Amino acid sequence: MKSFTRNVLGPFIVLAVCVLGFVILTLAKEEVEKVSEVNDIMTLDVGRVKKVPYRETVRFTGRVRPFSERYIMPEVRGKVIYIHPNLYLGGRIQEGEELLRIEEIEYQLNLQQEEAQLRIEENQLKLEQGKARVASESVETYRNINNEEKADFSLALREPQIMQQEAVVSLHKSRVEKARLDLERCRIIADVDCLVLSKSLDIGQFVEVGETLAHLVESDVYEVVARVPFSQIEALRSEGENSDLSIQAMIDNYDVSGLLQSYLVDVDSETNRPGVLLRFDFSETETRPLLGGLVSGELMASSTRELVAVPEDVIVDDKGVWVVDEGEIAAFRHVEVAGFREGIAYLNSGLIEGERFAFSLRGILPEGQVVKVSNERDWR
């Protein structure tokens, strides 16, 4: 009997044990795979896409030149008796200050003579007008007696003499004005804040009319010839802005206001780019650019527009951003970047406000990969 049990039931028992072991091992493997799958889900921090104001900017480099120049040329001749103490190469002179003075005594005397002669001629005109009034009474009596209404009495009424004297008075009035103007021209006044580029005169020097004595340039306003594509410049123009384009710029760490004056038709041989002529006002800054020197900066549009934005470091290869939907599925989204500034990437398209993006995810994930959100950061 024992031999029968061992010989007949033994194989079945062994087979049952093997099947049971296989089932146990299979269940254990499935459990391990499930645990492994759970452990392989990537954990991420996310943030929300935000809408923020954005000001268009364009980087530029340009060469500085004066906006306006002054060549000091006297309009009267004479001896120089005063020169502004800052009238030297590199000197700065304020608007309204006297640049130089020519000896005035001769012109003062000439003005006095012309004013005296004018008074003489005005008195002579009054005498002629008085004689005309007396003659008018005599002529009226003669007409009444002789009944001669059509006779020409213009000579008797001294009309030609009065007309001539009126012309003489007018002539001397103009001479007085000319003498007064010559006296004023002895003093040359700065009409703007200016920088001295050259000077060729000294105290006691005799100068002639039209002689160039100094070369000045306006010290607050400068032009910059910048080489940037037209398309980038036009991007700074606000919608409906058809007049001269107002711009802001950072030049040598100073914020200055400016104006796009004109487009240049020539193309730079080095950059192969056309240019624009910019005008900047440095009156509110502590320094001035070097004439002829190169400056660089950012042109900024006069107005802002709203764009969506994300941190700069979540942009992958300047192409896109990993986004995570509410079902915690990650997907790569291509975006169009308008610009980067202070760690923020401003986007023209690709994302919408409120969407979630992933931090610190720069590798490649399968499309539709499930992830786990551990924290949502307020990044701005």
Protein backbone atom coordinates (compact mmCIF):
# COMPACT_ATOMS: atom_id res chain seq x y z
CA MET A 1 0.00 0.00 0.00
CA LYS A 2 2.75 2.38 0.88
CA SER A 3 4.49 1.48 -2.33
CA PHE A 4 1.30 2.27 -4.28
CA THR A 5 0.95 5.71 -2.63
CA ARG A 6 4.56 6.55 -3.35
CA ASN A 7 4.45 5.28 -6.89
CA VAL A 8 1.04 6.65 -7.95
CA LEU A 9 0.42 9.80 -5.88
CA GLY A 10 4.01 11.01 -5.66
CA PRO A 11 4.20 12.53 -9.15
CA PHE A 12 0.89 14.29 -8.66
CA ILE A 13 2.05 15.79 -5.38
CA VAL A 14 5.29 17.01 -6.94
CA LEU A 15 3.37 18.49 -9.86
CA ALA A 16 0.96 20.27 -7.51
CA VAL A 17 3.84 21.72 -5.52
CA CYS A 18 5.49 22.99 -8.73
CA VAL A 19 2.29 24.60 -9.98
CA LEU A 20 1.75 26.27 -6.61
CA GLY A 21 5.30 27.57 -6.62
CA PHE A 22 4.92 28.96 -10.16
CA VAL A 23 1.70 30.77 -9.18
CA ILE A 24 3.36 32.23 -6.08
CA LEU A 25 6.38 33.41 -8.07
CA THR A 26 4.21 34.98 -10.80
CA LEU A 27 2.13 36.93 -8.29
CA ALA A 28 5.27 38.09 -6.52
CA LYS A 29 6.80 39.29 -9.83
CA GLU A 30 3.68 41.27 -10.74
CA GLU A 31 3.73 42.90 -7.31
CA VAL A 32 7.41 43.83 -7.70
CA GLU A 33 6.72 45.32 -11.17
CA LYS A 34 3.84 47.35 -9.75
CA VAL A 35 6.04 48.67 -6.94
CA SER A 36 8.84 49.42 -9.44
CA GLU A 37 6.42 51.26 -11.73
CA VAL A 38 5.21 53.39 -8.83
CA ASN A 39 8.77 54.12 -7.77
CA ASP A 40 9.78 55.19 -11.38
CA ILE A 41 7.20 58.08 -11.61
CA MET A 42 9.14 61.38 -11.73
CA THR A 43 8.45 63.92 -8.97
CA LEU A 44 8.38 67.57 -10.06
CA ASP A 45 7.94 71.11 -8.82
CA VAL A 46 5.65 73.20 -11.01
CA GLY A 47 4.72 76.87 -11.44
CA ARG A 48 1.96 78.80 -13.16
CA VAL A 49 2.33 80.76 -16.41
CA LYS A 50 1.70 84.43 -15.64
CA LYS A 51 0.74 87.44 -17.73
CA VAL A 52 3.05 90.42 -17.17
CA PRO A 53 3.76 93.80 -18.84
CA TYR A 54 6.55 93.69 -21.43
CA ARG A 55 8.42 96.53 -23.10
CA GLU A 56 10.00 95.75 -26.47
CA THR A 57 13.76 96.22 -26.50
CA VAL A 58 16.48 96.20 -29.13
CA ARG A 59 20.20 96.02 -28.41
CA PHE A 60 22.28 98.51 -30.36
CA THR A 61 25.78 99.88 -30.80
CA GLY A 62 26.39 103.25 -32.39
CA ARG A 63 28.80 106.12 -32.81
CA VAL A 64 28.15 109.45 -31.10
CA ARG A 65 28.09 112.74 -32.98
CA PRO A 66 26.87 116.23 -32.04
CA PHE A 67 23.22 117.06 -32.56
CA SER A 68 23.88 120.76 -33.20
CA GLU A 69 27.05 122.78 -33.70
CA ARG A 70 27.90 126.47 -33.24
CA TYR A 71 30.70 128.35 -34.97
CA ILE A 72 31.34 131.60 -33.15
CA MET A 73 31.83 134.36 -35.74
CA PRO A 74 31.49 138.03 -34.71
CA GLU A 75 29.13 140.31 -36.61
CA VAL A 76 31.10 143.43 -35.61
CA ARG A 77 34.80 144.14 -35.71
CA GLY A 78 36.92 145.29 -32.80
CA LYS A 79 39.20 144.34 -29.92
CA VAL A 80 38.29 141.41 -27.64
CA ILE A 81 38.14 142.60 -24.03
CA TYR A 82 36.49 139.58 -22.33
CA ILE A 83 36.55 135.77 -22.83
CA HIS A 84 34.53 133.29 -20.76
CA PRO A 85 36.88 131.44 -18.37
CA ASN A 86 35.64 128.08 -19.69
CA LEU A 87 36.16 128.97 -23.34
CA TYR A 88 38.88 126.38 -23.92
CA LEU A 89 39.04 122.90 -25.44
CA GLY A 90 36.68 120.67 -23.46
CA GLY A 91 35.19 123.54 -21.45
CA ARG A 92 31.47 123.61 -20.68
CA ILE A 93 29.40 126.79 -20.83
CA GLN A 94 25.81 127.21 -19.68
CA GLU A 95 22.98 128.71 -21.71
CA GLY A 96 22.75 132.49 -21.24
CA GLU A 97 26.37 132.98 -20.23
CA GLU A 98 28.56 135.50 -22.07
CA LEU A 99 31.09 133.80 -24.32
CA LEU A 100 33.11 136.88 -25.29
CA ARG A 101 32.86 140.65 -25.53
CA ILE A 102 34.22 143.12 -28.07
CA GLU A 103 35.11 146.63 -26.99
CA GLU A 104 31.85 148.61 -27.00
CA ILE A 105 32.84 152.28 -26.71
CA GLU A 106 32.94 152.93 -30.45
CA TYR A 107 29.49 151.38 -30.92
CA GLN A 108 28.05 153.25 -27.93
CA LEU A 109 29.23 156.54 -29.43
CA ASN A 110 27.84 155.61 -32.82
CA LEU A 111 24.45 154.85 -31.26
CA GLN A 112 24.42 158.20 -29.45
CA GLN A 113 25.23 160.03 -32.70
CA GLU A 114 22.50 158.24 -34.62
CA GLU A 115 19.92 158.91 -31.89
CA ALA A 116 20.87 162.61 -31.88
CA GLN A 117 20.60 162.84 -35.67
CA LEU A 118 17.21 161.12 -35.54
CA ARG A 119 15.92 163.74 -33.08
CA ILE A 120 17.15 166.50 -35.40
CA GLU A 121 15.35 165.03 -38.39
CA GLU A 122 12.15 164.44 -36.39
CA ASN A 123 12.18 168.10 -35.36
CA GLN A 124 12.71 169.10 -38.98
CA LEU A 125 9.67 167.04 -39.92
CA LYS A 126 7.61 168.85 -37.29
CA LEU A 127 8.75 172.21 -38.75
CA GLU A 128 7.68 171.17 -42.22
CA GLN A 129 4.32 169.98 -40.91
CA GLY A 130 3.87 173.34 -39.11
CA LYS A 131 4.69 175.27 -42.30
CA ALA A 132 2.17 173.12 -44.14
CA ARG A 133 -0.59 174.05 -41.68
CA VAL A 134 0.13 177.77 -42.11
CA ALA A 135 0.24 177.36 -45.89
CA SER A 136 -3.06 175.47 -45.78
CA GLU A 137 -4.84 178.50 -44.28
CA SER A 138 -3.40 180.81 -46.97
CA VAL A 139 -4.39 178.43 -49.75
CA GLU A 140 -7.93 178.14 -48.43
CA THR A 141 -8.28 181.94 -48.36
CA TYR A 142 -6.89 182.23 -51.91
CA ARG A 143 -9.37 179.62 -53.19
CA ASN A 144 -12.33 181.38 -51.66
CA ILE A 145 -11.32 184.70 -53.20
CA ASN A 146 -10.38 183.45 -56.68
CA ASN A 147 -12.74 180.44 -56.86
CA GLU A 148 -9.96 178.11 -58.07
CA GLU A 149 -10.89 174.66 -56.85
CA LYS A 150 -8.92 172.72 -59.50
CA ALA A 151 -5.56 174.42 -59.09
CA ASP A 152 -2.58 172.32 -57.79
CA PHE A 153 -1.41 173.74 -54.48
CA SER A 154 0.81 170.70 -53.43
CA LEU A 155 4.00 172.79 -53.53
CA ALA A 156 2.39 175.59 -51.58
CA LEU A 157 1.17 173.03 -49.03
CA ARG A 158 4.75 171.67 -48.77
CA GLU A 159 3.66 168.11 -49.50
CA PRO A 160 6.92 167.11 -51.32
CA GLN A 161 8.99 168.56 -48.49
CA ILE A 162 7.01 166.62 -45.90
CA MET A 163 7.31 163.35 -47.84
CA GLN A 164 11.04 163.84 -48.21
CA GLN A 165 11.48 164.60 -44.53
CA GLU A 166 9.40 161.57 -43.53
CA ALA A 167 11.75 159.43 -45.62
CA VAL A 168 14.77 161.02 -43.91
CA VAL A 169 13.28 160.29 -40.48
CA SER A 170 12.62 156.65 -41.48
CA LEU A 171 16.22 156.33 -42.71
CA HIS A 172 17.63 157.58 -39.41
CA LYS A 173 15.35 155.31 -37.40
CA SER A 174 16.83 152.33 -39.23
CA ARG A 175 20.33 153.68 -38.57
CA VAL A 176 19.55 153.91 -34.87
CA GLU A 177 18.31 150.32 -34.88
CA LYS A 178 21.44 149.24 -36.72
CA ALA A 179 23.65 151.06 -34.20
CA ARG A 180 21.74 149.49 -31.30
CA LEU A 181 22.07 146.05 -32.88
CA ASP A 182 25.81 146.52 -33.43
CA LEU A 183 26.19 147.45 -29.78
CA GLU A 184 24.33 144.29 -28.71
CA ARG A 185 26.50 142.22 -31.04
CA CYS A 186 29.59 143.22 -29.09
CA ARG A 187 28.49 140.59 -26.57
CA ILE A 188 28.11 136.99 -27.78
CA ILE A 189 25.84 134.89 -25.54
CA ALA A 190 25.52 131.07 -25.45
CA ASP A 191 22.04 130.11 -26.66
CA VAL A 192 22.32 126.49 -25.35
CA ASP A 193 24.43 124.54 -22.88
CA CYS A 194 27.53 123.82 -24.92
CA LEU A 195 30.87 122.06 -25.04
CA VAL A 196 33.93 123.80 -26.52
CA LEU A 197 35.71 121.87 -29.27
CA SER A 198 38.13 124.58 -30.38
CA LYS A 199 39.04 128.23 -29.73
CA SER A 200 41.31 130.65 -31.59
CA LEU A 201 41.25 134.03 -29.84
CA ASP A 202 42.84 135.85 -26.92
CA ILE A 203 42.20 138.95 -24.86
CA GLY A 204 43.26 142.05 -26.81
CA GLN A 205 43.01 140.35 -30.20
CA PHE A 206 41.42 142.42 -32.98
CA VAL A 207 38.76 140.37 -34.75
CA GLU A 208 37.00 140.91 -38.04
CA VAL A 209 33.38 140.26 -39.07
CA GLY A 210 32.85 136.62 -40.01
CA GLU A 211 36.12 135.37 -38.51
CA THR A 212 35.75 131.92 -36.86
CA LEU A 213 36.75 132.28 -33.21
CA ALA A 214 35.44 129.07 -31.61
CA HIS A 215 33.64 125.80 -32.38
CA LEU A 216 30.98 124.63 -29.91
CA VAL A 217 28.49 121.77 -29.79
CA GLU A 218 25.33 121.34 -27.75
CA SER A 219 26.26 119.45 -24.59
CA ASP A 220 22.89 117.94 -23.59
CA VAL A 221 21.60 116.43 -26.83
CA TYR A 222 23.57 114.02 -29.01
CA GLU A 223 22.93 111.91 -32.07
CA VAL A 224 23.84 108.24 -32.35
CA VAL A 225 24.11 106.43 -35.67
CA ALA A 226 22.98 102.89 -34.79
CA ARG A 227 23.06 99.82 -37.01
CA VAL A 228 20.00 97.67 -36.31
CA PRO A 229 17.51 95.95 -38.63
CA PHE A 230 14.47 98.05 -39.56
CA SER A 231 12.18 95.22 -38.49
CA GLN A 232 13.50 95.38 -34.93
CA ILE A 233 13.14 99.16 -34.80
CA GLU A 234 9.57 99.00 -36.09
CA ALA A 235 8.78 96.47 -33.35
CA LEU A 236 9.28 99.32 -30.88
CA ARG A 237 6.56 101.43 -32.46
CA SER A 238 3.23 101.37 -30.64
CA GLU A 239 0.06 100.61 -32.56
CA GLY A 240 -1.15 103.78 -34.30
CA GLU A 241 2.09 105.67 -33.54
CA ASN A 242 2.94 107.37 -36.82
CA SER A 243 4.99 110.36 -35.63
CA ASP A 244 8.66 110.31 -34.70
CA LEU A 245 9.26 107.27 -32.55
CA SER A 246 9.89 108.12 -28.90
CA ILE A 247 12.22 105.69 -27.21
CA GLN A 248 13.97 105.06 -23.92
CA ALA A 249 17.49 103.69 -23.77
CA MET A 250 20.05 102.51 -21.27
CA ILE A 251 23.39 103.98 -22.34
CA ASP A 252 26.44 103.47 -20.15
CA ASN A 253 24.11 102.58 -17.23
CA TYR A 254 22.12 105.82 -17.62
CA ASP A 255 18.42 105.85 -18.50
CA VAL A 256 17.92 108.49 -21.20
CA SER A 257 14.98 109.52 -23.37
CA GLY A 258 15.33 109.73 -27.10
CA LEU A 259 13.74 110.05 -30.49
CA LEU A 260 14.19 108.10 -33.69
CA GLN A 261 14.93 110.95 -36.11
CA SER A 262 15.28 109.19 -39.45
CA TYR A 263 16.30 106.08 -41.31
CA LEU A 264 19.66 106.07 -43.07
CA VAL A 265 19.84 104.91 -46.66
CA ASP A 266 23.46 103.79 -46.58
CA VAL A 267 24.48 100.27 -45.52
CA ASP A 268 27.38 99.73 -43.13
CA SER A 269 30.23 97.84 -44.80
CA GLU A 270 31.11 95.87 -41.65
CA THR A 271 27.67 94.84 -40.38
CA ASN A 272 25.94 94.94 -43.79
CA ARG A 273 23.02 96.60 -42.07
CA PRO A 274 21.22 99.88 -42.73
CA GLY A 275 21.01 102.25 -39.83
CA VAL A 276 18.87 104.68 -37.93
CA LEU A 277 19.67 108.12 -36.59
CA LEU A 278 18.80 108.39 -32.91
CA ARG A 279 18.70 111.51 -30.75
CA PHE A 280 19.20 111.33 -27.00
CA ASP A 281 18.81 113.91 -24.24
CA PHE A 282 21.46 113.61 -21.51
CA SER A 283 20.35 116.68 -19.55
CA GLU A 284 19.25 114.56 -16.57
CA THR A 285 22.43 112.47 -16.37
CA GLU A 286 25.68 113.18 -14.57
CA THR A 287 27.92 112.39 -17.53
CA ARG A 288 28.02 112.88 -21.29
CA PRO A 289 29.05 110.47 -24.06
CA LEU A 290 32.38 110.92 -25.79
CA LEU A 291 32.00 112.53 -29.21
CA GLY A 292 33.06 110.09 -31.90
CA GLY A 293 33.06 107.22 -29.42
CA LEU A 294 31.06 104.01 -29.50
CA VAL A 295 28.16 103.50 -27.12
CA SER A 296 25.91 100.51 -26.66
CA GLY A 297 22.60 100.11 -24.99
CA GLU A 298 19.02 98.95 -25.24
CA LEU A 299 16.31 100.80 -27.10
CA MET A 300 12.99 100.49 -25.30
CA ALA A 301 9.54 101.14 -26.71
CA SER A 302 7.56 104.03 -25.25
CA SER A 303 4.69 101.75 -24.19
CA THR A 304 4.23 98.21 -22.84
CA ARG A 305 2.09 95.24 -23.83
CA GLU A 306 1.07 92.18 -21.86
CA LEU A 307 2.73 88.83 -22.59
CA VAL A 308 2.77 85.49 -20.80
CA ALA A 309 6.00 84.72 -18.99
CA VAL A 310 7.90 81.89 -17.29
CA PRO A 311 11.29 81.69 -15.56
CA GLU A 312 14.12 81.81 -18.07
CA ASP A 313 15.69 78.58 -16.82
CA VAL A 314 12.66 76.42 -17.71
CA ILE A 315 13.11 77.16 -21.43
CA VAL A 316 14.70 74.06 -23.02
CA ASP A 317 17.20 74.88 -25.80
CA ASP A 318 15.29 78.11 -26.60
CA LYS A 319 12.59 75.90 -28.12
CA GLY A 320 9.96 74.99 -25.57
CA VAL A 321 8.73 74.27 -22.06
CA TRP A 322 7.58 71.11 -20.31
CA VAL A 323 3.98 71.59 -19.19
CA VAL A 324 2.01 69.47 -16.73
CA ASP A 325 -1.78 69.31 -17.05
CA GLU A 326 -4.19 68.84 -14.16
CA GLY A 327 -4.08 65.07 -14.74
CA GLU A 328 -0.33 65.24 -14.02
CA ILE A 329 0.65 64.26 -17.55
CA ALA A 330 3.79 65.97 -18.90
CA ALA A 331 4.09 67.24 -22.47
CA PHE A 332 6.67 69.33 -24.32
CA ARG A 333 5.25 72.60 -25.68
CA HIS A 334 7.04 74.66 -28.34
CA VAL A 335 7.04 78.41 -27.64
CA GLU A 336 8.04 81.66 -29.39
CA VAL A 337 10.27 83.76 -27.14
CA ALA A 338 9.90 87.55 -27.42
CA GLY A 339 12.84 88.27 -25.14
CA PHE A 340 14.70 87.55 -21.92
CA ARG A 341 15.13 90.04 -19.12
CA GLU A 342 16.19 89.70 -15.47
CA GLY A 343 15.67 85.93 -15.40
CA ILE A 344 12.24 86.03 -17.07
CA ALA A 345 11.35 84.66 -20.49
CA TYR A 346 8.59 86.63 -22.24
CA LEU A 347 6.59 84.59 -24.76
CA ASN A 348 4.68 85.62 -27.86
CA SER A 349 2.93 82.25 -28.21
CA GLY A 350 2.90 78.64 -27.05
CA LEU A 351 1.50 78.97 -23.53
CA ILE A 352 -1.54 80.53 -21.95
CA GLU A 353 -1.96 82.20 -18.58
CA GLY A 354 -2.52 79.76 -15.71
CA GLU A 355 -0.97 76.69 -17.32
CA ARG A 356 1.49 74.69 -15.20
CA PHE A 357 5.12 74.29 -16.26
CA ALA A 358 7.80 72.01 -14.80
CA PHE A 359 10.92 73.23 -12.99
CA SER A 360 14.28 71.45 -13.44
CA LEU A 361 13.10 69.17 -16.23
CA ARG A 362 15.56 69.42 -19.10
CA GLY A 363 15.71 65.79 -20.28
CA ILE A 364 13.52 64.02 -22.80
CA LEU A 365 10.39 62.27 -21.50
CA PRO A 366 7.99 60.15 -23.52
CA GLU A 367 5.00 62.19 -24.66
CA GLY A 368 2.16 61.72 -22.21
CA GLN A 369 4.43 60.59 -19.35
CA VAL A 370 2.68 60.55 -15.98
CA VAL A 371 4.52 62.58 -13.33
CA LYS A 372 3.93 63.44 -9.71
CA VAL A 373 3.63 67.09 -8.63
CA SER A 374 5.24 67.56 -5.24
CA ASN A 375 5.06 71.34 -4.92
CA GLU A 376 3.65 74.36 -6.76
CA ARG A 377 5.98 77.39 -6.48
CA ASP A 378 5.01 81.04 -6.65
CA TRP A 379 7.97 82.06 -8.82
CA ARG A 380 7.15 85.79 -9.20
